[in-house]
N, C-alpha and C. Protein backbone atom coordinates (compact mmCIF):
# COMPACT_ATOMS: atom_id res chain seq x y z
N MET A 1 -32.02 69.85 -99.74
CA MET A 1 -33.47 69.82 -99.86
C MET A 1 -34.04 71.08 -99.19
N PRO A 2 -34.92 71.83 -99.88
CA PRO A 2 -35.47 73.04 -99.27
C PRO A 2 -36.39 72.69 -98.10
N ARG A 3 -36.40 73.55 -97.12
CA ARG A 3 -37.25 73.33 -95.96
C ARG A 3 -38.70 73.60 -96.33
N LEU A 4 -39.58 72.78 -95.82
CA LEU A 4 -41.01 72.95 -96.06
C LEU A 4 -41.55 74.02 -95.12
N ARG A 5 -42.32 74.92 -95.65
CA ARG A 5 -42.93 75.97 -94.82
C ARG A 5 -44.41 76.04 -95.16
N PRO A 6 -45.26 75.99 -94.14
CA PRO A 6 -46.69 76.05 -94.41
C PRO A 6 -47.14 77.46 -94.78
N ARG A 7 -48.17 77.55 -95.59
CA ARG A 7 -48.80 78.83 -95.87
C ARG A 7 -49.69 79.15 -94.67
N PRO A 8 -49.83 80.43 -94.34
CA PRO A 8 -50.64 80.77 -93.15
C PRO A 8 -52.04 80.19 -93.14
N ARG A 9 -52.74 80.19 -94.29
CA ARG A 9 -54.11 79.69 -94.27
C ARG A 9 -54.17 78.18 -94.24
N ALA A 10 -53.06 77.51 -94.48
CA ALA A 10 -53.04 76.05 -94.49
C ALA A 10 -52.44 75.49 -93.20
N THR A 11 -52.43 76.30 -92.15
CA THR A 11 -51.84 75.87 -90.89
C THR A 11 -52.52 74.62 -90.35
N ALA A 12 -53.83 74.52 -90.47
CA ALA A 12 -54.54 73.35 -89.97
C ALA A 12 -54.10 72.09 -90.71
N THR A 13 -53.91 72.19 -92.01
CA THR A 13 -53.44 71.04 -92.79
C THR A 13 -52.03 70.67 -92.35
N TRP A 14 -51.18 71.67 -92.18
CA TRP A 14 -49.80 71.45 -91.74
C TRP A 14 -49.77 70.76 -90.37
N GLN A 15 -50.59 71.22 -89.45
CA GLN A 15 -50.65 70.62 -88.11
C GLN A 15 -51.12 69.16 -88.20
N HIS A 16 -52.08 68.90 -89.07
CA HIS A 16 -52.57 67.53 -89.26
C HIS A 16 -51.45 66.62 -89.77
N ILE A 17 -50.73 67.09 -90.78
CA ILE A 17 -49.64 66.31 -91.35
C ILE A 17 -48.56 66.05 -90.29
N LYS A 18 -48.21 67.06 -89.53
CA LYS A 18 -47.20 66.88 -88.48
C LYS A 18 -47.68 65.90 -87.42
N ALA A 19 -48.98 65.91 -87.12
CA ALA A 19 -49.52 65.03 -86.08
C ALA A 19 -49.53 63.57 -86.51
N ILE A 20 -49.73 63.31 -87.81
CA ILE A 20 -49.81 61.92 -88.26
C ILE A 20 -48.45 61.36 -88.70
N THR A 21 -47.43 62.20 -88.70
CA THR A 21 -46.10 61.77 -89.15
C THR A 21 -45.19 61.60 -87.94
N ALA A 22 -44.72 60.38 -87.73
CA ALA A 22 -43.83 60.11 -86.60
C ALA A 22 -42.46 60.71 -86.88
N ARG A 23 -41.89 61.32 -85.87
CA ARG A 23 -40.55 61.91 -86.03
C ARG A 23 -39.51 60.84 -85.70
N HIS A 24 -38.69 60.54 -86.67
CA HIS A 24 -37.59 59.62 -86.47
C HIS A 24 -36.49 59.98 -87.47
N GLY A 25 -35.28 59.69 -87.15
CA GLY A 25 -34.18 60.01 -88.05
C GLY A 25 -33.81 61.47 -87.97
N ASP A 26 -33.05 61.91 -88.96
CA ASP A 26 -32.58 63.30 -88.97
C ASP A 26 -33.62 64.24 -89.55
N ARG A 27 -33.31 65.52 -89.56
CA ARG A 27 -34.24 66.55 -90.02
C ARG A 27 -34.64 66.34 -91.48
N ASP A 28 -33.67 66.05 -92.34
CA ASP A 28 -33.99 65.86 -93.76
C ASP A 28 -34.94 64.68 -93.97
N ALA A 29 -34.71 63.59 -93.25
CA ALA A 29 -35.59 62.43 -93.36
C ALA A 29 -36.99 62.77 -92.86
N HIS A 30 -37.08 63.53 -91.77
CA HIS A 30 -38.39 63.92 -91.23
C HIS A 30 -39.13 64.82 -92.23
N GLU A 31 -38.43 65.77 -92.82
CA GLU A 31 -39.08 66.65 -93.79
C GLU A 31 -39.53 65.87 -95.03
N ALA A 32 -38.75 64.88 -95.43
CA ALA A 32 -39.16 64.03 -96.55
C ALA A 32 -40.41 63.23 -96.18
N ASP A 33 -40.49 62.76 -94.93
CA ASP A 33 -41.68 62.04 -94.46
C ASP A 33 -42.90 62.97 -94.45
N LEU A 34 -42.71 64.23 -94.04
CA LEU A 34 -43.81 65.20 -94.04
C LEU A 34 -44.31 65.45 -95.47
N ALA A 35 -43.38 65.62 -96.39
CA ALA A 35 -43.75 65.86 -97.78
C ALA A 35 -44.50 64.65 -98.34
N ASP A 36 -44.05 63.46 -98.00
CA ASP A 36 -44.71 62.25 -98.47
C ASP A 36 -46.12 62.14 -97.89
N ALA A 37 -46.28 62.46 -96.61
CA ALA A 37 -47.60 62.41 -95.98
C ALA A 37 -48.56 63.40 -96.63
N LEU A 38 -48.06 64.59 -96.95
CA LEU A 38 -48.91 65.58 -97.62
C LEU A 38 -49.28 65.10 -99.02
N ASP A 39 -48.32 64.53 -99.73
CA ASP A 39 -48.59 63.99 -101.07
C ASP A 39 -49.66 62.90 -101.00
N GLN A 40 -49.55 62.01 -100.04
CA GLN A 40 -50.54 60.94 -99.90
C GLN A 40 -51.92 61.50 -99.58
N LEU A 41 -51.97 62.51 -98.72
CA LEU A 41 -53.25 63.15 -98.37
C LEU A 41 -53.89 63.77 -99.60
N MET A 42 -53.10 64.49 -100.38
CA MET A 42 -53.64 65.14 -101.57
C MET A 42 -54.09 64.10 -102.61
N ARG A 43 -53.36 63.01 -102.73
CA ARG A 43 -53.76 61.95 -103.66
C ARG A 43 -55.07 61.30 -103.22
N ARG A 44 -55.21 61.06 -101.89
CA ARG A 44 -56.47 60.48 -101.39
C ARG A 44 -57.63 61.43 -101.65
N ALA A 45 -57.40 62.72 -101.43
CA ALA A 45 -58.47 63.69 -101.66
C ALA A 45 -58.86 63.73 -103.14
N HIS A 46 -57.87 63.70 -104.03
CA HIS A 46 -58.14 63.73 -105.46
C HIS A 46 -58.88 62.48 -105.92
N ALA A 47 -58.52 61.35 -105.33
CA ALA A 47 -59.16 60.08 -105.69
C ALA A 47 -60.52 59.89 -105.02
N GLY A 48 -60.84 60.76 -104.05
CA GLY A 48 -62.11 60.63 -103.34
C GLY A 48 -62.08 59.62 -102.21
N THR A 49 -60.89 59.23 -101.76
CA THR A 49 -60.78 58.24 -100.69
C THR A 49 -60.32 58.83 -99.36
N ALA A 50 -60.24 60.16 -99.28
CA ALA A 50 -59.87 60.80 -98.01
C ALA A 50 -61.00 60.59 -97.00
N THR A 51 -60.65 60.55 -95.73
CA THR A 51 -61.66 60.40 -94.69
C THR A 51 -62.52 61.66 -94.65
N PRO A 52 -63.71 61.59 -94.05
CA PRO A 52 -64.54 62.79 -93.94
C PRO A 52 -63.79 63.94 -93.22
N GLY A 53 -63.02 63.61 -92.20
CA GLY A 53 -62.25 64.64 -91.49
C GLY A 53 -61.20 65.29 -92.38
N GLU A 54 -60.52 64.46 -93.18
CA GLU A 54 -59.52 65.00 -94.11
C GLU A 54 -60.19 65.87 -95.18
N GLN A 55 -61.36 65.46 -95.65
CA GLN A 55 -62.08 66.27 -96.64
C GLN A 55 -62.47 67.63 -96.07
N ARG A 56 -62.97 67.63 -94.82
CA ARG A 56 -63.32 68.91 -94.18
C ARG A 56 -62.08 69.78 -94.03
N LEU A 57 -60.99 69.19 -93.63
CA LEU A 57 -59.74 69.93 -93.45
C LEU A 57 -59.30 70.55 -94.77
N LEU A 58 -59.31 69.78 -95.83
CA LEU A 58 -58.86 70.29 -97.13
C LEU A 58 -59.84 71.31 -97.70
N THR A 59 -61.12 71.12 -97.49
CA THR A 59 -62.10 72.08 -97.96
C THR A 59 -61.94 73.41 -97.25
N ARG A 60 -61.64 73.34 -95.96
CA ARG A 60 -61.48 74.57 -95.17
C ARG A 60 -60.25 75.35 -95.62
N THR A 61 -59.22 74.68 -96.12
CA THR A 61 -57.98 75.36 -96.50
C THR A 61 -57.83 75.54 -98.00
N ALA A 62 -58.85 75.16 -98.78
CA ALA A 62 -58.77 75.30 -100.24
C ALA A 62 -58.86 76.77 -100.63
N PRO A 63 -58.18 77.15 -101.70
CA PRO A 63 -58.26 78.54 -102.15
C PRO A 63 -59.67 78.87 -102.62
N LEU A 64 -60.07 80.09 -102.42
CA LEU A 64 -61.39 80.54 -102.86
C LEU A 64 -61.35 80.81 -104.35
N LYS A 65 -62.45 80.50 -105.01
CA LYS A 65 -62.55 80.77 -106.44
C LYS A 65 -63.05 82.19 -106.64
N THR A 66 -62.52 82.86 -107.65
CA THR A 66 -62.95 84.22 -107.96
C THR A 66 -64.31 84.17 -108.62
N PRO A 67 -65.28 84.91 -108.08
CA PRO A 67 -66.60 84.89 -108.70
C PRO A 67 -66.57 85.60 -110.05
N PRO A 68 -67.49 85.23 -110.94
CA PRO A 68 -67.53 85.91 -112.25
C PRO A 68 -67.91 87.37 -112.07
N ALA A 69 -67.50 88.21 -113.03
CA ALA A 69 -67.84 89.63 -112.98
C ALA A 69 -69.34 89.81 -113.16
N ALA A 70 -69.88 90.78 -112.47
CA ALA A 70 -71.31 91.08 -112.59
C ALA A 70 -71.58 91.67 -113.97
N ALA A 71 -72.78 91.45 -114.47
CA ALA A 71 -73.17 91.99 -115.78
C ALA A 71 -73.05 93.50 -115.77
N GLY A 72 -72.53 94.05 -116.84
CA GLY A 72 -72.42 95.51 -116.95
C GLY A 72 -71.13 96.07 -116.37
N THR A 73 -70.27 95.23 -115.81
CA THR A 73 -69.00 95.73 -115.30
C THR A 73 -67.90 95.46 -116.32
N HIS A 74 -66.83 96.20 -116.23
CA HIS A 74 -65.73 96.05 -117.17
C HIS A 74 -64.61 95.26 -116.52
N SER A 75 -64.01 94.39 -117.30
CA SER A 75 -62.85 93.64 -116.83
C SER A 75 -61.61 94.51 -116.97
N LEU A 76 -60.65 94.30 -116.11
CA LEU A 76 -59.40 95.05 -116.21
C LEU A 76 -58.59 94.62 -117.43
N HIS A 77 -58.89 93.46 -117.98
CA HIS A 77 -58.12 92.92 -119.09
C HIS A 77 -58.75 93.17 -120.45
N GLN A 78 -59.92 93.75 -120.49
CA GLN A 78 -60.59 94.00 -121.76
C GLN A 78 -60.72 95.51 -121.95
N PRO A 79 -60.48 95.98 -123.19
CA PRO A 79 -60.66 97.42 -123.45
C PRO A 79 -62.12 97.82 -123.31
N THR A 80 -62.34 99.04 -122.91
CA THR A 80 -63.71 99.53 -122.72
C THR A 80 -64.25 100.17 -123.96
């Protein structure tokens, strides 16, 4: 099983998952528990049942959306 590694901007989410997951058993079992806890958190967020604190945490670590191009500018993907 590959080791789970947090992304730098998602460190707060990773710390939250580690804090709510009890360490027991061997390393592989613990990493499986961490993955399961993250999956459950993401499912609660998607379903709208995450706690307000979990929502803030996920909002803070969500990727930023690329704003649309300003009028009159050229896209790198379209010929000029």
